[in-house]
Amino acid sequence: MTQNYRRLAAILLTSTLALAGSAANAQDSSTQGAGQSQTQSQEQAAEPSRNATFLDLQAGLGFASNPDLRINGDSSAFGRISASGYHAWSSETGVISLRGYIENTTYLKHYGSEQIWSLGAATTQQLSPTVTVFGDLGFSGDFGGQLSNRFLYNPGDPVLPDPTNPLPDPVINPDLFGINGRQYRLSASAGASIRSGPRSSISLTGGVAHAFSSGDNEDADYTSYFGNAAYSRQISERTNAGASISVARQDFKQGGSSTTVNPAVFANTQLSEELSAEGSIGVMRINQDFDGHSDSSTALSFSGSLCNATESSRFCGRVSRDATTGLTSAVLGGETQAAITTSASLSYSRTLSANDSIQASLSASRYRTAASIEGLDDPESTYVSGVIGYDRNIGARLFGGVQGGMRKLFQTGPDSDIDFNATVYLRYRLGDL
């Protein structure tokens, strides 16, 4: 089955990057844009007639002290190749985009070859002056939380104002309790924003996600169904505020389910031309059925971000607390339950000159069960990831650079060893510069 998943990922990525590569050879667009928030996207049509395309091919050598986050893990040198691509079509009524990242790392001892990937497609379309629809598809394959320790894109990449899915920050934390194994995630969502008045709008969103694993964690599989309804009103030229209600259900492979109802209030504001902020706060009511038992709990939910973007730099700080992931491990006796996840992240990128840029990211996520388990003291897990990189243009389309990272997993029971890793690479760019 694992081979089939890898073959599917290869087919999807090949199609995505082949399309991006062919478009790159057909055009030389230097237009650049900046990503906006989804709230803004639901109220604005895409700017007309602009495309953005790039395809990066990268090869490097490196070293990792504990690639699989094992207890008493072994270190190894490695060789790595990767490809990342992006292509977007923009018209007077909307944007359609494809994105893809795939990587193969071959370790010189112990670990063999491992593949990780993140693929997706997104669209925003304005059907009328008052109705905008949007959607997103995603498929990722991770191993030991490696995706959280990568820069999927580089500073200065040409990006259309594709607010439903601007090029993501390099923060993709695993959403399973035991992460030292292979994890997959399929997701799809769609929605609509309806302008209900001169200063107000209503948005409706629904979706499904399926998380599944291989090896010792294959019993951790679960499927989530979620929906959200929100009302937003403009209270000043730069500020919007409103209320929302979200409902999510998780069905677990080992039986049992959880349902979360989360009413919240939110606001977002443009503090200046470069600085924006948004936040929400609410209450989660979590009902669970597992192993013949029922449990209900109440917890605080929140999210917030503060982002500053200029022509040469971007900084974002984010926090969130929700119950949209599953929690499982041997310490739970094979049970799978809803997890209350609290996350925080910082990301920074800066173009130092026409040829030099730097990036840095630091994130942490804490997972704990939403229900008490008899005989266990609140099983929990905390995952920390940090990465920093320097990239330099050494030719017309040739770049070189170095990246360093660290990852650490703290959990109930013995902790795995920390992973320190470093890579030196060459990267060749096709498409927009």
Protein backbone atom coordinates (compact mmCIF):
# COMPACT_ATOMS: atom_id res chain seq x y z
CA MET A 1 0.00 0.00 0.00
CA THR A 2 2.85 2.39 0.82
CA GLN A 3 4.28 1.86 -2.68
CA ASN A 4 0.91 2.82 -4.16
CA TYR A 5 0.82 6.05 -2.15
CA ARG A 6 4.33 6.94 -3.28
CA ARG A 7 3.45 6.15 -6.90
CA LEU A 8 0.35 8.36 -6.62
CA ALA A 9 2.42 11.20 -5.22
CA ALA A 10 4.94 10.87 -8.03
CA ILE A 11 2.20 10.95 -10.68
CA LEU A 12 0.52 14.00 -9.15
CA LEU A 13 3.79 15.90 -8.77
CA THR A 14 4.98 15.00 -12.26
CA SER A 15 1.75 16.34 -13.74
CA THR A 16 1.92 19.52 -11.67
CA LEU A 17 5.55 20.30 -12.40
CA ALA A 18 5.33 19.30 -16.05
CA LEU A 19 2.54 21.84 -16.47
CA ALA A 20 4.54 24.46 -14.61
CA GLY A 21 7.66 23.69 -16.63
CA SER A 22 5.93 23.90 -20.00
CA ALA A 23 4.37 27.22 -19.03
CA ALA A 24 7.77 28.46 -17.87
CA ASN A 25 9.27 27.81 -21.29
CA ALA A 26 6.35 29.55 -23.00
CA GLN A 27 6.50 32.82 -21.10
CA ASP A 28 8.81 35.17 -19.21
CA SER A 29 6.68 37.03 -16.72
CA SER A 30 8.37 39.27 -14.18
CA THR A 31 5.22 40.56 -12.52
CA GLN A 32 5.18 40.02 -8.78
CA GLY A 33 2.46 40.31 -6.18
CA ALA A 34 2.02 39.89 -2.48
CA GLY A 35 -0.17 37.35 -0.71
CA GLN A 36 -3.24 38.61 1.12
CA SER A 37 -5.40 37.09 3.81
CA GLN A 38 -8.33 34.82 3.04
CA THR A 39 -10.67 37.40 4.55
CA GLN A 40 -9.51 39.95 2.01
CA SER A 41 -9.74 37.41 -0.79
CA GLN A 42 -13.38 36.75 -0.13
CA GLU A 43 -14.14 40.42 -0.71
CA GLN A 44 -11.88 41.21 -3.65
CA ALA A 45 -11.57 39.81 -7.16
CA ALA A 46 -8.16 38.83 -8.47
CA GLU A 47 -6.27 41.38 -10.53
CA PRO A 48 -6.59 40.70 -14.28
CA SER A 49 -4.33 38.90 -16.75
CA ARG A 50 -1.22 37.97 -14.76
CA ASN A 51 0.52 34.60 -14.58
CA ALA A 52 3.37 33.43 -12.37
CA THR A 53 5.44 30.32 -12.96
CA PHE A 54 8.60 28.79 -11.55
CA LEU A 55 10.20 25.38 -11.17
CA ASP A 56 13.24 24.86 -8.92
CA LEU A 57 15.47 21.79 -9.20
CA GLN A 58 17.79 21.33 -6.23
CA ALA A 59 20.56 18.92 -5.22
CA GLY A 60 22.59 18.91 -2.00
CA LEU A 61 24.69 17.04 0.52
CA GLY A 62 24.15 17.09 4.25
CA PHE A 63 24.22 15.48 7.66
CA ALA A 64 21.52 14.64 10.24
CA SER A 65 22.03 13.45 13.81
CA ASN A 66 18.64 11.69 14.20
CA PRO A 67 16.54 11.83 10.99
CA ASP A 68 13.65 9.67 12.27
CA LEU A 69 13.47 11.20 15.77
CA ARG A 70 14.18 7.83 17.35
CA ILE A 71 15.25 7.11 20.89
CA ASN A 72 19.02 6.54 20.65
CA GLY A 73 18.84 7.38 16.94
CA ASP A 74 21.84 7.11 14.63
CA SER A 75 23.44 9.92 12.67
CA SER A 76 24.12 9.79 8.94
CA ALA A 77 25.35 11.81 5.99
CA PHE A 78 22.93 12.06 3.05
CA GLY A 79 22.38 13.17 -0.51
CA ARG A 80 19.20 15.02 -1.36
CA ILE A 81 17.35 16.07 -4.51
CA SER A 82 14.13 18.04 -4.62
CA ALA A 83 11.80 19.92 -6.95
CA SER A 84 9.39 22.71 -6.10
CA GLY A 85 7.04 24.41 -8.50
CA TYR A 86 4.24 26.95 -8.67
CA HIS A 87 1.98 28.05 -11.50
CA ALA A 88 -0.97 30.42 -11.39
CA TRP A 89 -3.47 31.74 -13.88
CA SER A 90 -5.12 35.05 -13.09
CA SER A 91 -8.08 36.56 -14.92
CA GLU A 92 -10.51 39.39 -14.33
CA THR A 93 -12.68 37.10 -12.22
CA GLY A 94 -10.25 34.94 -10.25
CA VAL A 95 -7.10 32.91 -9.72
CA ILE A 96 -6.26 29.23 -10.18
CA SER A 97 -2.95 27.94 -8.83
CA LEU A 98 -0.95 24.74 -8.61
CA ARG A 99 1.86 24.16 -6.14
CA GLY A 100 4.17 21.24 -5.51
CA TYR A 101 7.22 20.16 -3.52
CA ILE A 102 8.79 16.71 -3.58
CA GLU A 103 12.05 15.49 -2.10
CA ASN A 104 14.13 12.33 -1.99
CA THR A 105 16.83 11.91 0.66
CA THR A 106 19.22 8.95 0.51
CA TYR A 107 21.10 8.27 3.74
CA LEU A 108 24.51 6.63 3.62
CA LYS A 109 23.65 4.30 6.52
CA HIS A 110 20.73 2.95 8.53
CA TYR A 111 17.80 4.79 6.92
CA GLY A 112 17.88 4.10 3.19
CA SER A 113 15.88 6.50 1.00
CA GLU A 114 12.91 8.53 2.21
CA GLN A 115 10.50 10.68 0.22
CA ILE A 116 8.37 13.60 1.40
CA TRP A 117 6.03 15.83 -0.60
CA SER A 118 3.40 18.54 -0.44
CA LEU A 119 1.07 19.05 -3.42
CA GLY A 120 -1.93 21.28 -3.85
CA ALA A 121 -4.27 23.30 -6.00
CA ALA A 122 -6.42 26.31 -5.12
CA THR A 123 -8.84 28.69 -6.74
CA THR A 124 -10.80 31.86 -6.03
CA GLN A 125 -13.51 32.95 -8.48
CA GLN A 126 -15.86 35.92 -8.35
CA LEU A 127 -19.20 34.77 -9.72
CA SER A 128 -20.93 38.12 -9.33
CA PRO A 129 -20.35 41.45 -7.60
CA THR A 130 -21.67 39.89 -4.39
CA VAL A 131 -20.61 36.22 -4.55
CA THR A 132 -17.08 34.77 -4.48
CA VAL A 133 -16.32 31.04 -4.33
CA PHE A 134 -13.05 29.38 -3.33
CA GLY A 135 -11.61 25.90 -2.97
CA ASP A 136 -8.45 24.02 -2.09
CA LEU A 137 -7.04 20.50 -2.56
CA GLY A 138 -3.98 19.14 -0.77
CA PHE A 139 -1.97 15.93 -0.52
CA SER A 140 1.13 15.57 1.64
CA GLY A 141 3.43 12.75 2.63
CA ASP A 142 5.74 13.26 5.59
CA PHE A 143 8.26 11.20 7.51
CA GLY A 144 9.23 11.98 11.07
CA GLY A 145 7.93 15.55 10.78
CA GLN A 146 10.53 16.39 8.12
CA LEU A 147 8.25 18.79 6.21
CA SER A 148 8.27 21.18 9.15
CA ASN A 149 12.05 21.50 8.73
CA ARG A 150 12.05 22.66 5.10
CA PHE A 151 11.69 25.92 3.21
CA LEU A 152 9.24 24.96 0.50
CA TYR A 153 9.77 28.25 -1.35
CA ASN A 154 12.30 31.06 -1.39
CA PRO A 155 12.17 34.82 -0.71
CA GLY A 156 11.27 36.82 -3.79
CA ASP A 157 9.40 34.01 -5.52
CA PRO A 158 6.86 35.50 -7.91
CA VAL A 159 3.42 35.15 -6.36
CA LEU A 160 0.05 36.33 -7.57
CA PRO A 161 -2.45 37.74 -5.06
CA ASP A 162 -3.87 34.25 -4.52
CA PRO A 163 -5.28 34.83 -1.04
CA THR A 164 -6.84 31.38 -0.51
CA ASN A 165 -3.37 29.90 -0.72
CA PRO A 166 -0.41 32.25 -0.97
CA LEU A 167 2.96 30.52 -0.84
CA PRO A 168 2.88 29.02 2.64
CA ASP A 169 5.19 29.75 5.51
CA PRO A 170 7.63 26.90 6.16
CA VAL A 171 5.62 25.66 9.13
CA ILE A 172 3.93 22.31 8.56
CA ASN A 173 3.75 20.57 11.90
CA PRO A 174 2.76 16.92 12.06
CA ASP A 175 -0.68 16.31 13.53
CA LEU A 176 -0.15 12.89 15.08
CA PHE A 177 1.09 12.05 18.55
CA GLY A 178 3.75 9.57 17.43
CA ILE A 179 5.57 11.20 14.52
CA ASN A 180 8.50 8.81 14.03
CA GLY A 181 6.79 7.10 11.10
CA ARG A 182 5.33 7.92 7.70
CA GLN A 183 2.22 10.11 7.63
CA TYR A 184 -0.10 11.08 4.80
CA ARG A 185 -2.82 13.69 4.61
CA LEU A 186 -5.49 14.26 1.96
CA SER A 187 -7.70 17.34 2.28
CA ALA A 188 -10.32 19.23 0.33
CA SER A 189 -12.34 22.32 1.18
CA ALA A 190 -14.67 24.70 -0.59
CA GLY A 191 -16.76 27.70 0.32
CA ALA A 192 -18.38 30.94 -0.67
CA SER A 193 -18.36 34.52 0.51
CA ILE A 194 -21.57 36.49 0.03
CA ARG A 195 -21.71 40.25 0.40
CA SER A 196 -24.87 40.76 2.44
CA GLY A 197 -24.71 44.53 2.63
CA PRO A 198 -22.53 47.56 1.87
CA ARG A 199 -20.35 46.81 4.92
CA SER A 200 -21.05 43.17 5.73
CA SER A 201 -20.50 39.66 4.36
CA ILE A 202 -21.33 36.05 5.15
CA SER A 203 -18.96 33.17 4.48
CA LEU A 204 -19.63 29.43 4.41
CA THR A 205 -16.89 26.81 4.29
CA GLY A 206 -16.90 23.01 4.40
CA GLY A 207 -14.35 20.29 3.90
CA VAL A 208 -12.94 16.88 4.67
CA ALA A 209 -9.48 15.61 5.60
CA HIS A 210 -8.12 12.09 5.91
CA ALA A 211 -4.94 11.45 7.91
CA PHE A 212 -3.32 8.04 7.68
CA SER A 213 -0.02 6.45 8.59
CA SER A 214 2.14 3.42 7.98
CA GLY A 215 4.13 1.16 10.26
CA ASP A 216 3.50 1.24 14.00
CA ASN A 217 1.16 4.24 13.66
CA GLU A 218 -1.26 2.84 11.07
CA ASP A 219 -3.98 2.45 13.71
CA ALA A 220 -3.91 6.24 14.13
CA ASP A 221 -5.89 6.85 10.93
CA TYR A 222 -8.86 9.19 11.14
CA THR A 223 -11.17 11.23 8.94
CA SER A 224 -12.34 14.75 9.79
CA TYR A 225 -15.41 16.55 8.47
CA PHE A 226 -15.73 20.26 9.19
CA GLY A 227 -17.91 23.25 8.45
CA ASN A 228 -17.80 26.94 9.33
CA ALA A 229 -20.22 29.84 9.05
CA ALA A 230 -19.12 33.40 9.73
CA TYR A 231 -20.53 36.92 9.64
CA SER A 232 -18.14 39.83 9.16
CA ARG A 233 -18.82 43.56 9.27
CA GLN A 234 -16.55 46.44 8.36
CA ILE A 235 -16.37 48.74 11.36
CA SER A 236 -13.79 51.15 9.94
CA GLU A 237 -11.80 51.68 6.77
CA ARG A 238 -9.13 49.21 7.95
CA THR A 239 -10.90 46.96 10.43
CA ASN A 240 -13.42 44.14 10.20
CA ALA A 241 -14.99 42.16 13.03
CA GLY A 242 -17.53 39.39 13.32
CA ALA A 243 -18.58 36.05 14.75
CA SER A 244 -18.34 32.46 13.57
CA ILE A 245 -19.34 28.95 14.50
CA SER A 246 -17.40 25.84 13.50
CA VAL A 247 -18.45 22.22 13.75
CA ALA A 248 -16.03 19.31 13.24
CA ARG A 249 -16.39 15.55 13.50
CA GLN A 250 -13.59 12.98 13.63
CA ASP A 251 -14.10 9.28 12.93
CA PHE A 252 -11.23 7.08 14.11
CA LYS A 253 -10.05 3.84 12.50
CA GLN A 254 -10.03 1.98 15.81
CA GLY A 255 -13.61 3.00 16.50
CA GLY A 256 -15.05 5.94 18.33
CA SER A 257 -15.51 9.51 17.27
CA SER A 258 -15.41 13.08 18.49
CA THR A 259 -17.50 16.16 17.74
CA THR A 260 -16.35 19.72 18.39
CA VAL A 261 -18.56 22.80 18.35
CA ASN A 262 -16.64 26.07 18.48
CA PRO A 263 -18.38 29.50 18.51
CA ALA A 264 -15.95 32.42 18.34
CA VAL A 265 -15.60 36.15 17.72
CA PHE A 266 -12.87 37.58 15.51
CA ALA A 267 -11.37 40.78 14.13
CA ASN A 268 -8.74 41.74 11.59
CA THR A 269 -7.15 45.09 10.91
CA GLN A 270 -4.57 46.75 8.70
CA LEU A 271 -2.46 48.68 11.19
CA SER A 272 -0.39 50.29 8.46
CA GLU A 273 0.50 49.71 4.83
CA GLU A 274 2.98 47.05 5.96
CA LEU A 275 1.55 45.72 9.23
CA SER A 276 -1.61 43.63 9.64
CA ALA A 277 -3.13 41.77 12.57
CA GLU A 278 -6.00 39.37 13.12
CA GLY A 279 -7.30 37.32 16.01
CA SER A 280 -10.17 35.26 17.33
CA ILE A 281 -11.28 33.79 20.65
CA GLY A 282 -13.94 31.22 21.38
CA VAL A 283 -15.03 28.21 23.39
CA MET A 284 -14.76 24.59 22.26
CA ARG A 285 -17.26 21.99 23.39
CA ILE A 286 -15.76 18.56 22.70
CA ASN A 287 -17.84 15.38 22.92
CA GLN A 288 -16.11 12.02 22.51
CA ASP A 289 -17.10 8.37 22.30
CA PHE A 290 -14.30 5.84 22.67
CA ASP A 291 -14.03 2.27 23.92
CA GLY A 292 -17.67 2.29 25.06
CA HIS A 293 -17.22 5.47 27.09
CA SER A 294 -18.52 8.99 26.50
CA ASP A 295 -16.80 12.15 27.61
CA SER A 296 -17.46 15.88 27.30
CA SER A 297 -15.09 18.75 27.95
CA THR A 298 -14.89 22.49 27.42
CA ALA A 299 -11.76 24.38 26.43
CA LEU A 300 -10.69 27.80 25.24
CA SER A 301 -9.91 28.29 21.54
CA PHE A 302 -8.00 31.17 20.02
CA SER A 303 -5.92 32.24 17.07
CA GLY A 304 -3.92 35.31 16.21
CA SER A 305 -1.31 36.64 13.85
CA LEU A 306 0.81 39.73 13.38
CA CYS A 307 2.51 40.12 10.00
CA ASN A 308 4.75 42.79 8.53
CA ALA A 309 5.52 42.74 4.80
CA THR A 310 7.75 45.10 2.82
CA GLU A 311 9.31 44.92 -0.63
CA SER A 312 12.40 43.21 0.82
CA SER A 313 11.24 41.37 3.95
CA ARG A 314 8.41 39.50 5.60
CA PHE A 315 7.83 38.64 9.24
CA CYS A 316 4.90 36.76 10.75
CA GLY A 317 4.09 35.59 14.26
CA ARG A 318 1.15 33.23 14.78
CA VAL A 319 -0.57 31.42 17.66
CA SER A 320 -3.56 29.08 17.70
CA ARG A 321 -5.44 26.61 19.85
CA ASP A 322 -7.98 24.16 18.45
CA ALA A 323 -9.11 20.53 18.46
CA THR A 324 -8.92 19.58 14.80
CA THR A 325 -6.28 16.83 14.99
CA GLY A 326 -6.12 13.29 16.35
CA LEU A 327 -3.97 12.04 19.20
CA THR A 328 -2.73 8.49 19.42
CA SER A 329 0.21 6.51 20.76
CA ALA A 330 1.10 3.28 22.47
CA VAL A 331 0.65 5.10 25.77
CA LEU A 332 -3.06 5.39 24.96
CA GLY A 333 -3.42 1.65 24.68
CA GLY A 334 -4.30 1.88 21.01
CA GLU A 335 -6.99 4.52 21.53
CA THR A 336 -7.34 7.53 19.25
CA GLN A 337 -8.94 10.72 20.52
CA ALA A 338 -9.35 14.36 19.68
CA ALA A 339 -6.31 16.41 20.57
CA ILE A 340 -6.26 19.95 21.84
CA THR A 341 -3.40 21.49 19.89
CA THR A 342 -1.68 24.71 20.91
CA SER A 343 0.78 26.07 18.33
CA ALA A 344 3.05 29.08 17.96
CA SER A 345 5.35 30.05 15.13
CA LEU A 346 7.69 32.79 13.96
CA SER A 347 8.85 33.13 10.36
CA TYR A 348 11.15 35.67 8.77
CA SER A 349 12.57 36.18 5.28
CA ARG A 350 14.62 39.01 3.84
CA THR A 351 16.16 39.83 0.49
CA LEU A 352 19.56 41.24 1.43
CA SER A 353 20.52 42.30 -2.10
CA ALA A 354 19.76 41.43 -5.70
CA ASN A 355 21.68 38.16 -5.16
CA ASP A 356 21.33 37.27 -1.45
CA SER A 357 18.46 36.29 0.82
CA ILE A 358 17.93 34.68 4.21
CA GLN A 359 15.06 32.80 5.86
CA ALA A 360 14.35 31.59 9.38
CA SER A 361 11.48 29.77 11.04
CA LEU A 362 10.73 28.53 14.53
CA SER A 363 7.58 26.64 15.54
CA ALA A 364 6.25 24.63 18.46
CA SER A 365 3.09 22.57 18.88
CA ARG A 366 1.75 21.00 22.04
CA TYR A 367 -0.77 18.16 21.82
CA ARG A 368 -2.80 16.74 24.68
CA THR A 369 -5.90 14.58 24.93
CA ALA A 370 -9.22 16.35 25.19
CA ALA A 371 -10.55 13.67 27.56
CA SER A 372 -9.14 12.03 30.65
CA ILE A 373 -8.03 8.41 30.35
CA GLU A 374 -8.30 6.11 33.34
CA GLY A 375 -4.90 5.15 34.71
CA LEU A 376 -2.96 7.74 32.67
CA ASP A 377 -1.81 11.21 33.63
CA ASP A 378 -2.86 13.45 30.74
CA PRO A 379 -0.70 12.09 27.90
CA GLU A 380 0.79 14.93 25.91
CA SER A 381 3.41 15.67 23.31
CA THR A 382 5.35 18.79 22.29
CA TYR A 383 7.12 19.14 18.97
CA VAL A 384 9.66 21.92 18.27
CA SER A 385 11.21 22.70 14.90
CA GLY A 386 13.60 25.42 13.76
CA VAL A 387 15.37 26.07 10.47
CA ILE A 388 17.54 28.85 9.05
CA GLY A 389 18.96 29.28 5.56
CA TYR A 390 21.04 31.49 3.29
CA ASP A 391 20.56 31.56 -0.50
CA ARG A 392 22.74 33.28 -3.13
CA ASN A 393 22.38 33.78 -6.87
CA ILE A 394 25.67 32.64 -8.42
CA GLY A 395 24.59 32.69 -12.07
CA ALA A 396 21.75 33.74 -14.32
CA ARG A 397 19.49 30.92 -13.02
CA LEU A 398 21.86 29.08 -10.68
CA PHE A 399 21.72 29.51 -6.90
CA GLY A 400 23.69 28.05 -4.02
CA GLY A 401 23.03 27.99 -0.33
CA VAL A 402 23.18 26.39 3.07
CA GLN A 403 20.46 25.43 5.54
CA GLY A 404 20.61 24.30 9.14
CA GLY A 405 17.81 22.91 11.28
CA MET A 406 16.84 21.24 14.54
CA ARG A 407 13.85 19.16 15.68
CA LYS A 408 12.89 17.85 19.09
CA LEU A 409 9.97 15.76 20.32
CA PHE A 410 8.94 15.77 23.98
CA GLN A 411 6.30 13.23 24.93
CA THR A 412 4.87 11.08 27.71
CA GLY A 413 7.46 8.39 28.28
CA PRO A 414 11.05 8.41 26.93
CA ASP A 415 11.91 11.35 24.69
CA SER A 416 13.62 10.85 21.36
CA ASP A 417 17.03 12.36 20.75
CA ILE A 418 17.23 15.81 19.23
CA ASP A 419 17.91 16.05 15.50
CA PHE A 420 20.48 18.54 14.21
CA ASN A 421 20.80 18.74 10.43
CA ALA A 422 22.59 20.81 7.81
CA THR A 423 22.61 20.90 4.00
CA VAL A 424 24.72 22.57 1.32
CA TYR A 425 22.95 22.76 -2.05
CA LEU A 426 22.79 24.03 -5.62
CA ARG A 427 19.45 25.15 -7.10
CA TYR A 428 18.48 25.82 -10.70
CA ARG A 429 15.47 28.01 -11.50
CA LEU A 430 13.17 27.58 -14.49
CA GLY A 431 10.50 30.18 -15.11
CA ASP A 432 10.07 33.55 -13.45
CA LEU A 433 13.06 35.12 -11.75
